[in-house]
C-alpha cells in the first residue's frame, strides 16, 4: 500500500536542535525516500512498510542522541504531490 506521510521531529532540550533534524531527514533519504522539507514538517510518500521502517530507524537515531518528540501522520488516498504543492505554495 502506498501512503503519504508528514513527520515532524522536535529535539527537546538541545540548544543546537538543527543537526538532529538534518540527520533525521538524511536518514530518510538514505533509506530511499524522497522527503520534502517544509518549515515545520517533512512530507513524503512511499510504500507503507518502507516508510515506517525508515521513520523508525531515523527516530531511533535521533532519540539515541537525547530527548526527542516525533509527530507522524500517515494517510492512504491522500492528496497527490501536485495537489500538495497547490495547497502549500512555497
C-alpha atoms as a PDB file:
ATOM      1  CA  UNK A   1       0.000   0.000   0.000  1.00  0.00           C
ATOM      2  CA  UNK A   2       1.384   3.409  -0.968  1.00  0.00           C
ATOM      3  CA  UNK A   3       0.941   6.154   1.587  1.00  0.00           C
ATOM      4  CA  UNK A   4       1.713   9.818   2.072  1.00  0.00           C
ATOM      5  CA  UNK A   5       3.355  10.868   5.322  1.00  0.00           C
ATOM      6  CA  UNK A   6       4.019  14.025   7.258  1.00  0.00           C
ATOM      7  CA  UNK A   7       6.551  13.916  10.062  1.00  0.00           C
ATOM      8  CA  UNK A   8       7.913  16.492  12.484  1.00  0.00           C
ATOM      9  CA  UNK A   9      10.874  15.905  14.797  1.00  0.00           C
ATOM     10  CA  UNK A  10      11.406  18.040  17.883  1.00  0.00           C
ATOM     11  CA  UNK A  11      14.762  17.527  19.645  1.00  0.00           C
ATOM     12  CA  UNK A  12      13.870  18.513  23.213  1.00  0.00           C
ATOM     13  CA  UNK A  13      16.224  20.433  25.472  1.00  0.00           C
ATOM     14  CA  UNK A  14      19.016  20.644  22.913  1.00  0.00           C
ATOM     15  CA  UNK A  15      20.484  24.099  22.338  1.00  0.00           C
ATOM     16  CA  UNK A  16      21.572  23.096  18.815  1.00  0.00           C
ATOM     17  CA  UNK A  17      18.428  21.403  17.504  1.00  0.00           C
ATOM     18  CA  UNK A  18      19.108  21.634  13.757  1.00  0.00           C
ATOM     19  CA  UNK A  19      21.758  18.863  13.421  1.00  0.00           C
ATOM     20  CA  UNK A  20      19.405  16.127  14.730  1.00  0.00           C
ATOM     21  CA  UNK A  21      16.696  17.271  12.314  1.00  0.00           C
ATOM     22  CA  UNK A  22      19.157  17.344   9.408  1.00  0.00           C
ATOM     23  CA  UNK A  23      20.369  13.849  10.342  1.00  0.00           C
ATOM     24  CA  UNK A  24      16.750  12.624  10.572  1.00  0.00           C
ATOM     25  CA  UNK A  25      15.968  13.821   7.034  1.00  0.00           C
ATOM     26  CA  UNK A  26      19.295  12.480   5.722  1.00  0.00           C
ATOM     27  CA  UNK A  27      18.446   9.071   7.193  1.00  0.00           C
ATOM     28  CA  UNK A  28      15.078   9.058   5.409  1.00  0.00           C
ATOM     29  CA  UNK A  29      16.854   9.868   2.143  1.00  0.00           C
ATOM     30  CA  UNK A  30      19.489   7.200   2.720  1.00  0.00           C
ATOM     31  CA  UNK A  31      16.674   4.663   3.057  1.00  0.00           C
ATOM     32  CA  UNK A  32      15.344   5.579  -0.381  1.00  0.00           C
ATOM     33  CA  UNK A  33      12.593   8.051   0.480  1.00  0.00           C
ATOM     34  CA  UNK A  34      12.358  11.481  -1.144  1.00  0.00           C
ATOM     35  CA  UNK A  35      11.170  13.719   1.674  1.00  0.00           C
ATOM     36  CA  UNK A  36      10.371  17.375   1.053  1.00  0.00           C
ATOM     37  CA  UNK A  37      11.297  19.601   3.965  1.00  0.00           C
ATOM     38  CA  UNK A  38       8.976  22.441   4.899  1.00  0.00           C
ATOM     39  CA  UNK A  39       9.248  24.949   7.720  1.00  0.00           C
ATOM     40  CA  UNK A  40       7.583  22.773  10.373  1.00  0.00           C
ATOM     41  CA  UNK A  41       7.374  19.308   8.854  1.00  0.00           C
ATOM     42  CA  UNK A  42       8.707  16.906   6.279  1.00  0.00           C
ATOM     43  CA  UNK A  43       6.379  15.352   3.708  1.00  0.00           C
ATOM     44  CA  UNK A  44       6.899  12.310   1.525  1.00  0.00           C
ATOM     45  CA  UNK A  45       5.347   9.185   0.097  1.00  0.00           C
ATOM     46  CA  UNK A  46       6.148   5.541  -0.419  1.00  0.00           C
ATOM     47  CA  UNK A  47       5.159   2.002   0.418  1.00  0.00           C
ATOM     48  CA  UNK A  48       3.822   1.779   3.975  1.00  0.00           C
ATOM     49  CA  UNK A  49       6.338  -0.803   5.214  1.00  0.00           C
ATOM     50  CA  UNK A  50       9.313   1.097   3.768  1.00  0.00           C
ATOM     51  CA  UNK A  51       8.162   4.445   5.174  1.00  0.00           C
ATOM     52  CA  UNK A  52       7.542   3.052   8.648  1.00  0.00           C
ATOM     53  CA  UNK A  53      10.887   1.232   8.697  1.00  0.00           C
ATOM     54  CA  UNK A  54      12.763   4.360   7.582  1.00  0.00           C
ATOM     55  CA  UNK A  55      10.968   6.624  10.063  1.00  0.00           C
ATOM     56  CA  UNK A  56      11.525   4.145  12.892  1.00  0.00           C
ATOM     57  CA  UNK A  57      15.252   3.960  12.137  1.00  0.00           C
ATOM     58  CA  UNK A  58      15.605   7.743  11.833  1.00  0.00           C
ATOM     59  CA  UNK A  59      13.701   8.337  15.072  1.00  0.00           C
ATOM     60  CA  UNK A  60      15.720   5.743  16.984  1.00  0.00           C
ATOM     61  CA  UNK A  61      18.921   7.518  15.950  1.00  0.00           C
ATOM     62  CA  UNK A  62      17.517  10.921  16.934  1.00  0.00           C
ATOM     63  CA  UNK A  63      16.321   9.622  20.313  1.00  0.00           C
ATOM     64  CA  UNK A  64      19.681   7.978  20.968  1.00  0.00           C
ATOM     65  CA  UNK A  65      21.214  11.459  20.929  1.00  0.00           C
ATOM     66  CA  UNK A  66      18.821  12.894  23.517  1.00  0.00           C
ATOM     67  CA  UNK A  67      15.166  13.527  24.164  1.00  0.00           C
ATOM     68  CA  UNK A  68      13.079  13.822  21.015  1.00  0.00           C
ATOM     69  CA  UNK A  69       9.398  14.114  20.185  1.00  0.00           C
ATOM     70  CA  UNK A  70       8.127  12.940  16.800  1.00  0.00           C
ATOM     71  CA  UNK A  71       4.697  13.546  15.298  1.00  0.00           C
ATOM     72  CA  UNK A  72       3.810  11.297  12.359  1.00  0.00           C
ATOM     73  CA  UNK A  73       0.721  11.385  10.161  1.00  0.00           C
ATOM     74  CA  UNK A  74       0.142   8.611   7.632  1.00  0.00           C
ATOM     75  CA  UNK A  75      -2.615   8.512   5.025  1.00  0.00           C
ATOM     76  CA  UNK A  76      -3.572   6.456   2.030  1.00  0.00           C
ATOM     77  CA  UNK A  77      -5.736   8.195  -0.546  1.00  0.00           C
ATOM     78  CA  UNK A  78      -4.092  11.478   0.428  1.00  0.00           C
ATOM     79  CA  UNK A  79      -3.618  14.411  -1.942  1.00  0.00           C
ATOM     80  CA  UNK A  80      -1.151  13.947  -4.774  1.00  0.00           C
ATOM     81  CA  UNK A  81       2.157  15.792  -4.758  1.00  0.00           C
ATOM     82  CA  UNK A  82       0.717  18.271  -7.264  1.00  0.00           C
ATOM     83  CA  UNK A  83      -2.279  18.914  -5.006  1.00  0.00           C
ATOM     84  CA  UNK A  84       0.021  19.429  -2.032  1.00  0.00           C
ATOM     85  CA  UNK A  85       2.113  21.935  -3.999  1.00  0.00           C
ATOM     86  CA  UNK A  86      -1.038  23.848  -4.931  1.00  0.00           C
ATOM     87  CA  UNK A  87      -2.254  23.839  -1.323  1.00  0.00           C
ATOM     88  CA  UNK A  88       1.187  24.672   0.143  1.00  0.00           C
ATOM     89  CA  UNK A  89       2.937  27.031  -2.282  1.00  0.00           C
ATOM     90  CA  UNK A  90       6.491  27.892  -1.373  1.00  0.00           C
END
